[in-house]
C-alpha atoms as a PDB file:
ATOM      1  CA  MET A   1       4.506  -3.080  -5.643  1.00  0.00           C
ATOM      2  CA  CYS A   2       1.315  -1.896  -6.570  1.00  0.00           C
ATOM      3  CA  VAL A   3       0.665   2.125  -7.843  1.00  0.00           C
ATOM      4  CA  SER A   4      -3.012   2.658  -7.093  1.00  0.00           C
ATOM      5  CA  ILE A   5      -4.453   5.720  -9.713  1.00  0.00           C
ATOM      6  CA  PRO A   6      -7.047   7.784  -8.522  1.00  0.00           C
ATOM      7  CA  LEU A   7     -10.502   7.277 -10.537  1.00  0.00           C
ATOM      8  CA  ASP A   8     -10.748  10.781 -12.128  1.00  0.00           C
ATOM      9  CA  ASP A   9      -7.089   9.965 -13.395  1.00  0.00           C
ATOM     10  CA  TRP A  10      -7.987   8.179 -16.257  1.00  0.00           C
ATOM     11  CA  ARG A  11      -9.909  10.934 -17.683  1.00  0.00           C
ATOM     12  CA  ARG A  12      -6.709  13.067 -18.072  1.00  0.00           C
ATOM     13  CA  GLU A  13      -4.725  13.261 -21.217  1.00  0.00           C
ATOM     14  CA  SER A  14      -1.271  12.073 -20.455  1.00  0.00           C
ATOM     15  CA  ASP A  15       1.753  13.766 -21.738  1.00  0.00           C
ATOM     16  CA  SER A  16       4.462  12.209 -24.217  1.00  0.00           C
ATOM     17  CA  ASP A  17       6.715  11.750 -21.381  1.00  0.00           C
ATOM     18  CA  THR A  18       4.038   9.775 -19.326  1.00  0.00           C
ATOM     19  CA  GLY A  19       3.611   7.436 -22.264  1.00  0.00           C
ATOM     20  CA  ALA A  20       7.186   6.784 -22.875  1.00  0.00           C
ATOM     21  CA  TYR A  21       7.792   5.948 -19.305  1.00  0.00           C
ATOM     22  CA  ALA A  22       5.068   3.508 -19.454  1.00  0.00           C
ATOM     23  CA  ALA A  23       6.532   1.934 -22.547  1.00  0.00           C
ATOM     24  CA  THR A  24       9.847   1.386 -20.686  1.00  0.00           C
ATOM     25  CA  ARG A  25       8.369   0.020 -17.450  1.00  0.00           C
ATOM     26  CA  ARG A  26       9.616  -3.035 -15.837  1.00  0.00           C
ATOM     27  CA  ILE A  27       7.446  -6.032 -14.213  1.00  0.00           C
ATOM     28  CA  SER A  28       9.219  -8.386 -12.126  1.00  0.00           C
ATOM     29  CA  GLY A  29       7.834 -11.626 -10.386  1.00  0.00           C
ATOM     30  CA  ASN A  30      10.460 -11.216  -7.370  1.00  0.00           C
ATOM     31  CA  PRO A  31       8.744 -10.771  -4.330  1.00  0.00           C
ATOM     32  CA  GLN A  32      11.671  -9.133  -2.841  1.00  0.00           C
ATOM     33  CA  VAL A  33      11.756  -5.688  -4.591  1.00  0.00           C
ATOM     34  CA  PRO A  34      15.680  -4.679  -5.566  1.00  0.00           C
ATOM     35  CA  GLN A  35      16.808  -1.609  -3.976  1.00  0.00           C
ATOM     36  CA  ALA A  36      17.189   0.040  -7.296  1.00  0.00           C
ATOM     37  CA  ASP A  37      13.492  -0.207  -7.902  1.00  0.00           C
ATOM     38  CA  ILE A  38      12.764   1.289  -4.686  1.00  0.00           C
ATOM     39  CA  ASP A  39      14.925   4.069  -5.555  1.00  0.00           C
ATOM     40  CA  ARG A  40      13.260   4.573  -8.876  1.00  0.00           C
ATOM     41  CA  VAL A  41       9.837   4.828  -7.190  1.00  0.00           C
ATOM     42  CA  ALA A  42      11.060   7.057  -4.800  1.00  0.00           C
ATOM     43  CA  GLN A  43      12.619   9.469  -7.711  1.00  0.00           C
ATOM     44  CA  ILE A  44       9.260   9.137  -9.391  1.00  0.00           C
ATOM     45  CA  SER A  45       7.290  10.009  -6.119  1.00  0.00           C
ATOM     46  CA  GLU A  46       9.359  12.867  -5.163  1.00  0.00           C
ATOM     47  CA  ASN A  47       7.008  15.224  -7.246  1.00  0.00           C
ATOM     48  CA  ALA A  48       3.948  13.793  -6.076  1.00  0.00           C
ATOM     49  CA  ALA A  49       1.778  16.243  -3.886  1.00  0.00           C
ATOM     50  CA  ASN A  50       0.432  13.689  -1.571  1.00  0.00           C
ATOM     51  CA  PRO A  51       2.191  10.223  -1.811  1.00  0.00           C
ATOM     52  CA  VAL A  52       1.131   7.407   0.239  1.00  0.00           C
ATOM     53  CA  LEU A  53       2.136   3.753   0.630  1.00  0.00           C
ATOM     54  CA  VAL A  54      -0.420   1.227   1.193  1.00  0.00           C
ATOM     55  CA  LEU A  55       1.048  -2.167   2.075  1.00  0.00           C
ATOM     56  CA  GLY A  56      -0.073  -5.750   2.443  1.00  0.00           C
ATOM     57  CA  PRO A  57       0.956  -8.764   4.363  1.00  0.00           C
ATOM     58  CA  ASP A  58       3.340 -10.046   1.490  1.00  0.00           C
ATOM     59  CA  VAL A  59       5.866  -6.885   2.707  1.00  0.00           C
ATOM     60  CA  ASP A  60       6.260  -8.950   5.921  1.00  0.00           C
ATOM     61  CA  GLU A  61       6.161 -12.451   4.385  1.00  0.00           C
ATOM     62  CA  TYR A  62       9.049 -11.808   1.963  1.00  0.00           C
ATOM     63  CA  GLY A  63      11.296  -9.731   4.467  1.00  0.00           C
ATOM     64  CA  GLY A  64      10.230  -6.395   3.168  1.00  0.00           C
ATOM     65  CA  TRP A  65      10.089  -4.276   6.111  1.00  0.00           C
ATOM     66  CA  GLU A  66      13.274  -2.802   6.066  1.00  0.00           C
ATOM     67  CA  ALA A  67      12.707  -1.611   2.466  1.00  0.00           C
ATOM     68  CA  ALA A  68       9.342  -0.231   3.175  1.00  0.00           C
ATOM     69  CA  ILE A  69      10.374   1.653   5.979  1.00  0.00           C
ATOM     70  CA  ALA A  70      13.410   2.922   3.744  1.00  0.00           C
ATOM     71  CA  LEU A  71      11.105   4.166   1.183  1.00  0.00           C
ATOM     72  CA  ALA A  72       8.300   5.689   3.755  1.00  0.00           C
ATOM     73  CA  GLU A  73      11.426   7.841   4.891  1.00  0.00           C
ATOM     74  CA  LYS A  74      12.575   8.727   1.635  1.00  0.00           C
ATOM     75  CA  LEU A  75       9.211   9.897   0.504  1.00  0.00           C
ATOM     76  CA  ARG A  76       8.410  10.954   3.931  1.00  0.00           C
ATOM     77  CA  THR A  77       5.184   9.734   3.382  1.00  0.00           C
ATOM     78  CA  GLU A  78       2.283   8.190   5.253  1.00  0.00           C
ATOM     79  CA  VAL A  79       1.743   4.520   5.475  1.00  0.00           C
ATOM     80  CA  TYR A  80      -1.693   2.574   5.435  1.00  0.00           C
ATOM     81  CA  LEU A  81      -2.256  -0.787   6.238  1.00  0.00           C
ATOM     82  CA  GLY A  82      -4.439  -2.397   2.962  1.00  0.00           C
ATOM     83  CA  SER A  83      -7.911  -3.582   4.110  1.00  0.00           C
ATOM     84  CA  GLY A  84      -8.379  -7.213   5.350  1.00  0.00           C
ATOM     85  CA  GLU A  85      -7.149  -9.088   8.558  1.00  0.00           C
ATOM     86  CA  TYR A  86      -3.505 -10.053   8.325  1.00  0.00           C
ATOM     87  CA  SER A  87      -1.616 -12.976  10.130  1.00  0.00           C
ATOM     88  CA  ARG A  88       1.492 -10.774   9.361  1.00  0.00           C
ATOM     89  CA  MET A  89       1.814  -6.801   9.538  1.00  0.00           C
ATOM     90  CA  PRO A  90       3.294  -4.990   6.807  1.00  0.00           C
ATOM     91  CA  PHE A  91       4.753  -2.283   8.521  1.00  0.00           C
ATOM     92  CA  PRO A  92       5.490  -1.468  12.273  1.00  0.00           C
ATOM     93  CA  PRO A  93       2.609  -1.426  13.959  1.00  0.00           C
ATOM     94  CA  ILE A  94       3.579   1.512  15.980  1.00  0.00           C
ATOM     95  CA  THR A  95       3.602   3.314  12.902  1.00  0.00           C
ATOM     96  CA  ALA A  96       0.167   2.342  10.707  1.00  0.00           C
ATOM     97  CA  VAL A  97      -1.942   2.012  13.797  1.00  0.00           C
ATOM     98  CA  SER A  98      -5.078   0.958  12.061  1.00  0.00           C
ATOM     99  CA  VAL A  99      -5.812  -1.300   9.288  1.00  0.00           C
ATOM    100  CA  GLY A 100      -7.039   0.602   6.629  1.00  0.00           C
ATOM    101  CA  ARG A 101      -8.488   3.394   8.701  1.00  0.00           C
ATOM    102  CA  SER A 102      -5.775   5.723   9.695  1.00  0.00           C
ATOM    103  CA  ALA A 103      -2.184   6.159   9.609  1.00  0.00           C
ATOM    104  CA  ARG A 104       0.888   7.725  10.874  1.00  0.00           C
ATOM    105  CA  ARG A 105       3.480   9.990   9.121  1.00  0.00           C
ATOM    106  CA  TRP A 106       6.809   8.209   9.049  1.00  0.00           C
ATOM    107  CA  PRO A 107       9.005   9.178  10.652  1.00  0.00           C
ATOM    108  CA  ARG A 108       6.666  10.264  13.357  1.00  0.00           C
ATOM    109  CA  SER A 109       6.905  14.065  14.221  1.00  0.00           C
ATOM    110  CA  ALA A 110       7.524  14.980  17.574  1.00  0.00           C
ATOM    111  CA  SER A 111       4.097  16.266  18.095  1.00  0.00           C
ATOM    112  CA  ASP A 112       2.810  12.574  17.589  1.00  0.00           C
END
């Protein structure tokens, strides 16, 4: 799992809550993210103005489709495929339609 931070965000002061959270973060070498961690990311992301998921081929390689779909549904966010050529699709292709270029909201709205 990777959390991407906008470049201009590095110029902002963090508050004490953010610093305290960073000090308690967990790093895991397990390629299959536990459901509790997915729930935690979703909880943190609920206050985000425009959350998105950017996924790569390891999501499929390590059996993460269901977890990625669950997280996208929980966040009601857009899903993008990372740039590059993949032999494995990181998300259902009817949802993320163009590698690194466009996305569909998941779940897709009736107007799509």
